[in-house]
Amino acid sequence: MADRSYLDWPFLDDRHRALKADLSAWIDDQRSLLAGPEEDVDAACRALVARLGRDGWLRHTVPAAHGGASATLDVRSLCLMREGLAQASALADFAFAMQGLGSGAITLFGSEAQKAAWLPAVARGEKIAAFALSEREAGSDVAAIATRAVPVKGGYRLDGEKCWISNAGIADLYVVFARTGEGEGARGLSAFILEAGTPGFSVSERIPLIAPHPLGVLRLENCVVPHAALLGGAGEGFRIAMATLDIFRSTVGAAALGFARRAFDAALILHADHELNASTFAARVTASTLSDLHSAVVSAIATLKGPL
């Protein structure tokens, strides 16, 4: 499904159109990598992050001051990239998106020292990022987070468990949200940068999925991080989490659009392969279904236009 008329929308400028063209050319050149076997999802994800970083695409996940492509994170560019990558490879889209989401809190709220320590390496694909917010008992209720961070000499001691964490086991840095107790509910949360390999940190479980997606459970037991690991200020964790998620919400819709485009293309090929052997009635039903799918994709493009 090659319709690109949406690139003429007035809120997309020439740099966005050039970005889309360059990305499409890169995807065509990387077909073997993007379509490669994914039996070892961890290795495949690492390879994709490295290639995306080497070829400059991860520069769109950090600001220009630290090796990025734009002065600030540009949601339009992120959406265009996720749509294109998702149409080509679910794992490539995931690898790109998590570099942005995992480091987004550092971009928005990190100190200059924190940004300098992590963002250039994220942009180069040398460090893999993760966003550790969810818990089994909290679900989508961020205010119900139970993981605790207790002040100790030199920093904070983290104890608890994080579940359904993307890039668990392969990330070099995790932005972890924990309860520091400045207030009830959402007011008592803080965010920390946790480096993989910190004593007391472990990946206690890997969660298998049908989709190629590194996912797991993090365990924190007497895990001490320095004061310098605190993002923003104590008690600002909820604001940090919501601001980071707000940047990337629209990009989820863009990725879904890319998946829908790929599904439509695959359905067209399947329809063509079977059309000669199908009854006239079956062929008409299939054609009608494809027409409905095409209409749904076009409608999704128009819907995505709103948040941008």
Protein backbone atom coordinates (compact mmCIF):
# COMPACT_ATOMS: atom_id res chain seq x y z
CA MET A 1 0.00 0.00 0.00
CA ALA A 2 2.11 2.86 -1.33
CA ASP A 3 -0.23 5.85 -0.86
CA ARG A 4 1.84 8.75 0.42
CA SER A 5 -0.61 11.60 -0.17
CA TYR A 6 -0.54 12.43 3.54
CA LEU A 7 2.98 13.78 3.02
CA ASP A 8 1.34 16.81 1.40
CA TRP A 9 -0.43 17.78 4.62
CA PRO A 10 0.51 21.36 5.61
CA PHE A 11 1.97 20.46 9.01
CA LEU A 12 4.62 18.29 7.33
CA ASP A 13 7.41 20.28 5.73
CA ASP A 14 10.18 19.48 3.26
CA ARG A 15 12.44 17.95 5.90
CA HIS A 16 9.71 15.47 6.82
CA ARG A 17 9.18 14.54 3.19
CA ALA A 18 12.94 14.11 2.76
CA LEU A 19 13.07 12.01 5.92
CA LYS A 20 10.36 9.69 4.61
CA ALA A 21 12.10 9.30 1.25
CA ASP A 22 15.46 8.61 2.88
CA LEU A 23 13.93 6.09 5.28
CA SER A 24 12.15 4.27 2.45
CA ALA A 25 15.44 4.01 0.54
CA TRP A 26 17.23 2.73 3.64
CA ILE A 27 14.53 0.11 4.26
CA ASP A 28 14.86 -1.13 0.68
CA ASP A 29 18.63 -1.40 1.17
CA GLN A 30 18.28 -3.26 4.48
CA ARG A 31 15.71 -5.86 3.44
CA SER A 32 17.94 -8.79 4.40
CA LEU A 33 18.46 -7.44 7.92
CA LEU A 34 14.82 -6.44 8.40
CA ALA A 35 13.50 -9.77 7.12
CA GLY A 36 16.16 -11.85 8.84
CA PRO A 37 15.46 -14.79 11.17
CA GLU A 38 14.36 -13.79 14.65
CA GLU A 39 14.88 -17.03 16.55
CA ASP A 40 17.29 -15.13 18.80
CA VAL A 41 15.24 -12.00 19.41
CA ASP A 42 17.80 -10.47 21.77
CA ALA A 43 20.60 -10.71 19.22
CA ALA A 44 18.35 -9.46 16.42
CA CYS A 45 17.26 -6.47 18.51
CA ARG A 46 20.84 -5.58 19.41
CA ALA A 47 21.82 -5.79 15.74
CA LEU A 48 18.95 -3.52 14.72
CA VAL A 49 19.75 -0.93 17.39
CA ALA A 50 23.38 -0.93 16.27
CA ARG A 51 22.44 -0.52 12.60
CA LEU A 52 19.83 2.17 13.30
CA GLY A 53 22.44 4.02 15.32
CA ARG A 54 25.24 3.58 12.80
CA ASP A 55 23.10 4.91 9.97
CA GLY A 56 21.84 7.93 11.92
CA TRP A 57 18.19 7.04 12.49
CA LEU A 58 18.42 6.99 16.27
CA ARG A 59 19.46 10.63 16.16
CA HIS A 60 15.72 11.32 15.98
CA THR A 61 15.28 9.93 19.51
CA VAL A 62 17.48 12.52 21.26
CA PRO A 63 17.89 16.33 21.00
CA ALA A 64 20.54 17.98 18.84
CA ALA A 65 22.57 19.17 21.82
CA HIS A 66 23.46 15.55 22.52
CA GLY A 67 23.85 14.15 19.03
CA GLY A 68 20.25 14.33 17.85
CA ALA A 69 18.67 15.43 14.59
CA SER A 70 16.41 18.23 15.92
CA ALA A 71 16.59 20.79 18.71
CA THR A 72 13.79 18.93 20.49
CA LEU A 73 12.07 15.60 19.94
CA ASP A 74 9.90 16.04 16.84
CA VAL A 75 6.73 13.95 17.10
CA ARG A 76 6.06 14.24 13.37
CA SER A 77 9.44 12.73 12.52
CA LEU A 78 8.97 10.00 15.12
CA CYS A 79 5.56 9.12 13.65
CA LEU A 80 6.86 8.97 10.09
CA MET A 81 9.72 6.75 11.15
CA ARG A 82 7.60 4.38 13.20
CA GLU A 83 5.06 4.00 10.42
CA GLY A 84 7.77 3.15 7.90
CA LEU A 85 9.72 0.82 10.16
CA ALA A 86 6.58 -0.98 11.37
CA GLN A 87 5.52 -1.68 7.81
CA ALA A 88 8.92 -3.26 7.15
CA SER A 89 9.69 -4.99 10.47
CA ALA A 90 7.95 -5.12 13.84
CA LEU A 91 11.26 -5.61 15.61
CA ALA A 92 12.89 -2.66 13.84
CA ASP A 93 10.01 -0.44 14.93
CA PHE A 94 10.30 -1.74 18.48
CA ALA A 95 14.07 -1.19 18.58
CA PHE A 96 13.68 2.39 17.38
CA ALA A 97 10.73 3.26 19.62
CA MET A 98 12.28 1.93 22.81
CA GLN A 99 15.44 3.96 22.31
CA GLY A 100 13.21 7.02 22.35
CA LEU A 101 10.86 5.99 25.15
CA GLY A 102 13.65 4.57 27.31
CA SER A 103 15.75 7.73 27.09
CA GLY A 104 12.88 10.23 26.81
CA ALA A 105 12.75 10.97 30.52
CA ILE A 106 16.46 11.82 30.45
CA THR A 107 15.90 14.11 27.47
CA LEU A 108 13.03 15.92 29.19
CA PHE A 109 14.16 16.01 32.82
CA GLY A 110 17.77 14.89 33.05
CA SER A 111 20.59 17.06 34.32
CA GLU A 112 23.27 18.08 31.83
CA ALA A 113 25.55 15.45 33.34
CA GLN A 114 22.89 12.74 32.94
CA LYS A 115 22.17 13.76 29.36
CA ALA A 116 25.85 13.81 28.44
CA ALA A 117 26.40 10.41 30.07
CA TRP A 118 23.64 8.58 28.17
CA LEU A 119 22.03 10.38 25.24
CA PRO A 120 24.96 10.43 22.77
CA ALA A 121 25.44 6.68 23.25
CA VAL A 122 21.70 6.07 22.77
CA ALA A 123 21.79 8.07 19.52
CA ARG A 124 24.75 6.04 18.26
CA GLY A 125 23.08 2.74 19.15
CA GLU A 126 25.86 1.93 21.59
CA LYS A 127 23.57 1.83 24.64
CA ILE A 128 20.09 0.29 24.76
CA ALA A 129 17.42 2.03 26.85
CA ALA A 130 14.36 0.76 28.75
CA PHE A 131 11.38 2.34 30.53
CA ALA A 132 10.53 0.48 33.75
CA LEU A 133 7.14 1.73 34.92
CA SER A 134 4.63 -1.17 35.00
CA GLU A 135 4.00 -3.53 37.91
CA ARG A 136 1.81 -6.62 38.28
CA GLU A 137 -0.52 -5.13 40.88
CA ALA A 138 -0.54 -1.59 39.51
CA GLY A 139 -1.46 -2.24 35.89
CA SER A 140 -2.22 1.07 34.20
CA ASP A 141 -2.65 2.80 37.57
CA VAL A 142 0.74 4.47 37.87
CA ALA A 143 -0.24 5.99 41.22
CA ALA A 144 -0.44 2.45 42.66
CA ILE A 145 3.26 1.67 42.09
CA ALA A 146 4.66 -0.28 45.06
CA THR A 147 8.39 -0.43 44.28
CA ARG A 148 10.13 1.64 46.94
CA ALA A 149 13.20 3.85 46.99
CA VAL A 150 14.47 4.56 50.50
CA PRO A 151 17.15 7.20 51.15
CA VAL A 152 20.42 5.68 52.35
CA LYS A 153 23.93 7.01 52.72
CA GLY A 154 25.07 8.18 49.30
CA GLY A 155 21.81 7.54 47.47
CA TYR A 156 18.66 5.40 47.46
CA ARG A 157 17.94 1.71 48.04
CA LEU A 158 15.40 0.29 45.57
CA ASP A 159 13.26 -2.74 46.37
CA GLY A 160 10.42 -4.16 44.30
CA GLU A 161 9.48 -5.72 40.99
CA LYS A 162 8.72 -4.32 37.56
CA CYS A 163 6.74 -6.39 35.05
CA TRP A 164 6.21 -6.36 31.26
CA ILE A 165 9.37 -4.33 30.73
CA SER A 166 10.50 -4.01 27.12
CA ASN A 167 14.22 -4.61 26.51
CA ALA A 168 14.49 -6.45 29.83
CA GLY A 169 17.78 -8.30 29.81
CA ILE A 170 19.38 -6.43 26.91
CA ALA A 171 19.13 -2.80 28.05
CA ASP A 172 22.15 -0.92 29.38
CA LEU A 173 20.03 1.62 31.24
CA TYR A 174 16.59 1.47 32.81
CA VAL A 175 14.53 4.48 33.87
CA VAL A 176 12.86 3.05 36.98
CA PHE A 177 9.91 4.60 38.80
CA ALA A 178 9.64 4.00 42.54
CA ARG A 179 7.82 5.31 45.58
CA THR A 180 9.84 7.77 47.66
CA GLY A 181 6.92 8.88 49.83
CA GLU A 182 6.73 12.65 49.41
CA GLY A 183 2.95 12.29 49.29
CA GLU A 184 0.11 9.88 48.69
CA GLY A 185 -0.44 8.15 45.37
CA ALA A 186 1.06 9.89 42.37
CA ARG A 187 2.66 12.60 44.49
CA GLY A 188 5.07 10.17 46.12
CA LEU A 189 6.87 8.78 43.06
CA SER A 190 10.36 9.47 41.77
CA ALA A 191 12.37 8.37 38.73
CA PHE A 192 15.88 6.92 38.70
CA ILE A 193 18.44 5.96 36.08
CA LEU A 194 19.49 2.40 36.84
CA GLU A 195 22.51 0.97 35.07
CA ALA A 196 22.45 -2.71 34.12
CA GLY A 197 24.81 -4.69 36.33
CA THR A 198 24.06 -2.67 39.47
CA PRO A 199 24.20 -5.05 42.48
CA GLY A 200 20.70 -6.07 43.54
CA PHE A 201 19.27 -5.70 40.05
CA SER A 202 18.26 -8.79 38.06
CA VAL A 203 15.93 -9.96 35.31
CA SER A 204 13.96 -12.63 37.15
CA GLU A 205 11.80 -13.77 34.23
CA ARG A 206 11.63 -13.47 30.46
CA ILE A 207 8.09 -13.30 29.08
CA PRO A 208 7.58 -15.15 25.77
CA LEU A 209 5.46 -13.49 23.10
CA ILE A 210 4.25 -14.36 19.62
CA ALA A 211 5.67 -11.06 18.39
CA PRO A 212 9.45 -10.54 18.33
CA HIS A 213 9.79 -8.47 21.48
CA PRO A 214 12.29 -8.73 24.38
CA LEU A 215 10.05 -8.55 27.45
CA GLY A 216 10.63 -9.49 31.06
CA VAL A 217 10.36 -8.94 34.80
CA LEU A 218 12.89 -6.87 36.75
CA ARG A 219 13.68 -7.58 40.39
CA LEU A 220 15.22 -5.00 42.70
CA GLU A 221 16.57 -6.27 46.03
CA ASN A 222 18.69 -3.93 48.14
CA CYS A 223 19.63 -2.22 44.90
CA VAL A 224 21.49 0.97 45.78
CA VAL A 225 21.83 3.83 43.29
CA PRO A 226 23.68 7.12 43.89
CA HIS A 227 21.99 10.47 44.38
CA ALA A 228 23.13 11.34 40.86
CA ALA A 229 20.74 8.67 39.52
CA LEU A 230 17.65 10.65 40.58
CA LEU A 231 15.88 12.20 37.57
CA GLY A 232 14.36 15.62 38.14
CA GLY A 233 13.50 15.99 41.80
CA ALA A 234 12.14 13.67 44.47
CA GLY A 235 8.38 13.32 44.08
CA GLU A 236 8.38 14.26 40.38
CA GLY A 237 8.15 10.70 39.05
CA PHE A 238 4.50 10.82 37.99
CA ARG A 239 5.00 14.05 36.05
CA ILE A 240 8.11 12.61 34.40
CA ALA A 241 6.33 9.40 33.39
CA MET A 242 3.30 11.19 31.94
CA ALA A 243 5.36 13.76 30.04
CA THR A 244 7.50 11.02 28.51
CA LEU A 245 4.50 8.93 27.51
CA ASP A 246 2.76 11.98 26.02
CA ILE A 247 5.62 12.45 23.55
CA PHE A 248 5.28 8.90 22.26
CA ARG A 249 1.49 8.26 22.36
CA SER A 250 0.87 9.44 18.80
CA THR A 251 3.75 7.32 17.54
CA VAL A 252 1.95 4.17 18.71
CA GLY A 253 -0.87 5.00 16.31
CA ALA A 254 1.67 5.59 13.54
CA ALA A 255 3.22 2.17 14.15
CA ALA A 256 -0.23 0.55 14.08
CA LEU A 257 -0.80 2.24 10.73
CA GLY A 258 2.43 0.71 9.44
CA PHE A 259 1.32 -2.73 10.60
CA ALA A 260 -2.04 -2.22 8.87
CA ARG A 261 -0.34 -1.26 5.63
CA ARG A 262 1.75 -4.42 5.76
CA ALA A 263 -1.32 -6.55 6.49
CA PHE A 264 -3.13 -5.00 3.54
CA ASP A 265 -0.19 -5.67 1.20
CA ALA A 266 0.03 -9.28 2.39
CA ALA A 267 -3.73 -9.73 1.93
CA LEU A 268 -3.53 -8.41 -1.63
CA ILE A 269 -0.80 -10.91 -2.49
CA LEU A 270 -2.76 -13.76 -0.93
CA HIS A 271 -5.90 -12.69 -2.77
CA ALA A 272 -4.06 -12.63 -6.10
CA ASP A 273 -2.55 -16.06 -5.47
CA HIS A 274 -5.92 -17.65 -4.76
CA GLU A 275 -8.19 -15.65 -7.06
CA LEU A 276 -7.97 -18.08 -9.98
CA ASN A 277 -8.96 -21.03 -7.82
CA ALA A 278 -11.74 -19.31 -5.90
CA SER A 279 -15.41 -19.20 -6.73
CA THR A 280 -16.86 -15.96 -8.06
CA PHE A 281 -18.75 -15.45 -4.81
CA ALA A 282 -15.64 -16.03 -2.67
CA ALA A 283 -13.62 -13.66 -4.83
CA ARG A 284 -16.25 -10.94 -4.39
CA VAL A 285 -16.34 -11.44 -0.62
CA THR A 286 -12.55 -11.21 -0.45
CA ALA A 287 -12.50 -8.10 -2.61
CA SER A 288 -15.11 -6.51 -0.37
CA THR A 289 -13.06 -7.33 2.72
CA LEU A 290 -9.94 -5.82 1.14
CA SER A 291 -11.92 -2.71 0.28
CA ASP A 292 -13.04 -2.40 3.90
CA LEU A 293 -9.45 -2.83 5.09
CA HIS A 294 -8.25 -0.15 2.69
CA SER A 295 -10.94 2.22 3.94
CA ALA A 296 -9.93 1.51 7.54
CA VAL A 297 -6.30 2.33 6.80
CA VAL A 298 -7.23 5.58 5.05
CA SER A 299 -9.46 6.49 7.99
CA ALA A 300 -6.62 5.75 10.40
CA ILE A 301 -4.35 8.13 8.51
CA ALA A 302 -6.94 10.89 8.88
CA THR A 303 -7.38 10.09 12.58
CA LEU A 304 -3.64 10.27 13.20
CA LYS A 305 -3.61 13.73 11.62
CA GLY A 306 -5.41 15.13 14.66
CA PRO A 307 -2.77 14.50 17.39
CA LEU A 308 0.02 15.75 15.14
